[in-house]
């Protein structure tokens, strides 16, 4: 799921079926997301990844993404339970 609120773009979810991972599909999806956001004039794309998900962090770093020095603050409005 990709969005743009006029200030920056966001990738909220990117998933590939585990049976077909490591075939370049996620990379293609990100390149297409970047292309579409750039077409809209989006200057920056943000991706949120859990700090414990080192494999995904490495994936994004290989695509040229960098870890920003920010704190993400959230509040659950509906419980997961």
C-alpha atoms as a PDB file:
ATOM      1  CA  UNK A   1       0.000   0.000   0.000  1.00  0.00           C
ATOM      2  CA  UNK A   2       1.507   3.306  -1.120  1.00  0.00           C
ATOM      3  CA  UNK A   3       0.190   6.779  -0.394  1.00  0.00           C
ATOM      4  CA  UNK A   4       1.039  10.434  -0.828  1.00  0.00           C
ATOM      5  CA  UNK A   5      -0.415  13.153   1.377  1.00  0.00           C
ATOM      6  CA  UNK A   6       1.147  16.076  -0.464  1.00  0.00           C
ATOM      7  CA  UNK A   7       4.265  16.281   1.716  1.00  0.00           C
ATOM      8  CA  UNK A   8       5.869  12.860   1.343  1.00  0.00           C
ATOM      9  CA  UNK A   9       5.052   9.412   0.102  1.00  0.00           C
ATOM     10  CA  UNK A  10       4.598   6.404   2.334  1.00  0.00           C
ATOM     11  CA  UNK A  11       4.903   2.682   1.817  1.00  0.00           C
ATOM     12  CA  UNK A  12       2.724   1.133   4.481  1.00  0.00           C
ATOM     13  CA  UNK A  13       2.759  -2.463   3.311  1.00  0.00           C
ATOM     14  CA  UNK A  14       4.863  -4.346   0.804  1.00  0.00           C
ATOM     15  CA  UNK A  15       4.570  -8.104   0.723  1.00  0.00           C
ATOM     16  CA  UNK A  16       5.473 -10.925  -1.613  1.00  0.00           C
ATOM     17  CA  UNK A  17       4.233 -14.460  -1.171  1.00  0.00           C
ATOM     18  CA  UNK A  18       7.056 -16.383   0.562  1.00  0.00           C
ATOM     19  CA  UNK A  19       6.873 -19.069  -2.142  1.00  0.00           C
ATOM     20  CA  UNK A  20       8.012 -16.568  -4.783  1.00  0.00           C
ATOM     21  CA  UNK A  21      10.311 -14.265  -2.786  1.00  0.00           C
ATOM     22  CA  UNK A  22      13.860 -13.451  -3.915  1.00  0.00           C
ATOM     23  CA  UNK A  23      12.866 -13.128  -7.563  1.00  0.00           C
ATOM     24  CA  UNK A  24      12.999  -9.325  -7.738  1.00  0.00           C
ATOM     25  CA  UNK A  25       9.241  -8.805  -7.351  1.00  0.00           C
ATOM     26  CA  UNK A  26       9.489  -6.518  -4.302  1.00  0.00           C
ATOM     27  CA  UNK A  27      12.217  -4.500  -6.007  1.00  0.00           C
ATOM     28  CA  UNK A  28       9.993  -4.067  -9.082  1.00  0.00           C
ATOM     29  CA  UNK A  29       7.061  -3.030  -6.882  1.00  0.00           C
ATOM     30  CA  UNK A  30       9.177  -0.404  -5.115  1.00  0.00           C
ATOM     31  CA  UNK A  31      10.544   0.962  -8.382  1.00  0.00           C
ATOM     32  CA  UNK A  32       6.980   1.307  -9.687  1.00  0.00           C
ATOM     33  CA  UNK A  33       5.863   3.006  -6.470  1.00  0.00           C
ATOM     34  CA  UNK A  34       8.784   5.437  -6.769  1.00  0.00           C
ATOM     35  CA  UNK A  35       7.959   6.114 -10.433  1.00  0.00           C
ATOM     36  CA  UNK A  36       4.305   6.852  -9.690  1.00  0.00           C
ATOM     37  CA  UNK A  37       5.078   9.056  -6.697  1.00  0.00           C
ATOM     38  CA  UNK A  38       7.703  10.979  -8.637  1.00  0.00           C
ATOM     39  CA  UNK A  39       5.131  11.557 -11.379  1.00  0.00           C
ATOM     40  CA  UNK A  40       2.913  13.179  -8.716  1.00  0.00           C
ATOM     41  CA  UNK A  41       5.785  15.457  -7.643  1.00  0.00           C
ATOM     42  CA  UNK A  42       6.496  13.579  -4.416  1.00  0.00           C
ATOM     43  CA  UNK A  43       9.918  14.694  -3.112  1.00  0.00           C
ATOM     44  CA  UNK A  44      10.561  11.932  -0.554  1.00  0.00           C
ATOM     45  CA  UNK A  45       9.388   8.399   0.160  1.00  0.00           C
ATOM     46  CA  UNK A  46       9.172   7.050   3.699  1.00  0.00           C
ATOM     47  CA  UNK A  47       9.003   3.369   4.660  1.00  0.00           C
ATOM     48  CA  UNK A  48       8.303   2.105   8.158  1.00  0.00           C
ATOM     49  CA  UNK A  49      10.000  -1.145   9.149  1.00  0.00           C
ATOM     50  CA  UNK A  50      10.187  -2.748  12.585  1.00  0.00           C
ATOM     51  CA  UNK A  51      13.697  -2.378  14.014  1.00  0.00           C
ATOM     52  CA  UNK A  52      13.849  -6.156  14.537  1.00  0.00           C
ATOM     53  CA  UNK A  53      13.266  -6.881  10.830  1.00  0.00           C
ATOM     54  CA  UNK A  54      16.902  -6.712   9.762  1.00  0.00           C
ATOM     55  CA  UNK A  55      16.354  -8.568   6.479  1.00  0.00           C
ATOM     56  CA  UNK A  56      13.819  -6.019   5.290  1.00  0.00           C
ATOM     57  CA  UNK A  57      15.971  -3.118   6.467  1.00  0.00           C
ATOM     58  CA  UNK A  58      18.837  -4.551   4.416  1.00  0.00           C
ATOM     59  CA  UNK A  59      16.513  -4.915   1.401  1.00  0.00           C
ATOM     60  CA  UNK A  60      15.585  -1.210   1.515  1.00  0.00           C
ATOM     61  CA  UNK A  61      19.174  -0.131   2.085  1.00  0.00           C
ATOM     62  CA  UNK A  62      20.180  -2.004  -1.074  1.00  0.00           C
ATOM     63  CA  UNK A  63      17.545   0.062  -2.898  1.00  0.00           C
ATOM     64  CA  UNK A  64      19.175   3.284  -1.662  1.00  0.00           C
ATOM     65  CA  UNK A  65      17.053   3.979   1.423  1.00  0.00           C
ATOM     66  CA  UNK A  66      18.651   5.285   4.614  1.00  0.00           C
ATOM     67  CA  UNK A  67      17.650   5.052   8.250  1.00  0.00           C
ATOM     68  CA  UNK A  68      16.355   8.466   9.357  1.00  0.00           C
ATOM     69  CA  UNK A  69      17.030   9.829  12.829  1.00  0.00           C
ATOM     70  CA  UNK A  70      13.381  10.023  13.905  1.00  0.00           C
ATOM     71  CA  UNK A  71      11.080   8.564  16.529  1.00  0.00           C
ATOM     72  CA  UNK A  72       7.826   6.994  15.441  1.00  0.00           C
ATOM     73  CA  UNK A  73       5.051   7.629  17.947  1.00  0.00           C
ATOM     74  CA  UNK A  74       1.794   5.707  17.815  1.00  0.00           C
ATOM     75  CA  UNK A  75      -1.352   5.011  19.766  1.00  0.00           C
ATOM     76  CA  UNK A  76      -3.640   1.991  19.347  1.00  0.00           C
ATOM     77  CA  UNK A  77      -7.245   3.062  18.886  1.00  0.00           C
ATOM     78  CA  UNK A  78      -8.481  -0.509  18.382  1.00  0.00           C
ATOM     79  CA  UNK A  79      -6.878  -3.350  20.330  1.00  0.00           C
ATOM     80  CA  UNK A  80      -5.203  -6.216  18.477  1.00  0.00           C
ATOM     81  CA  UNK A  81      -6.732  -8.665  20.939  1.00  0.00           C
END
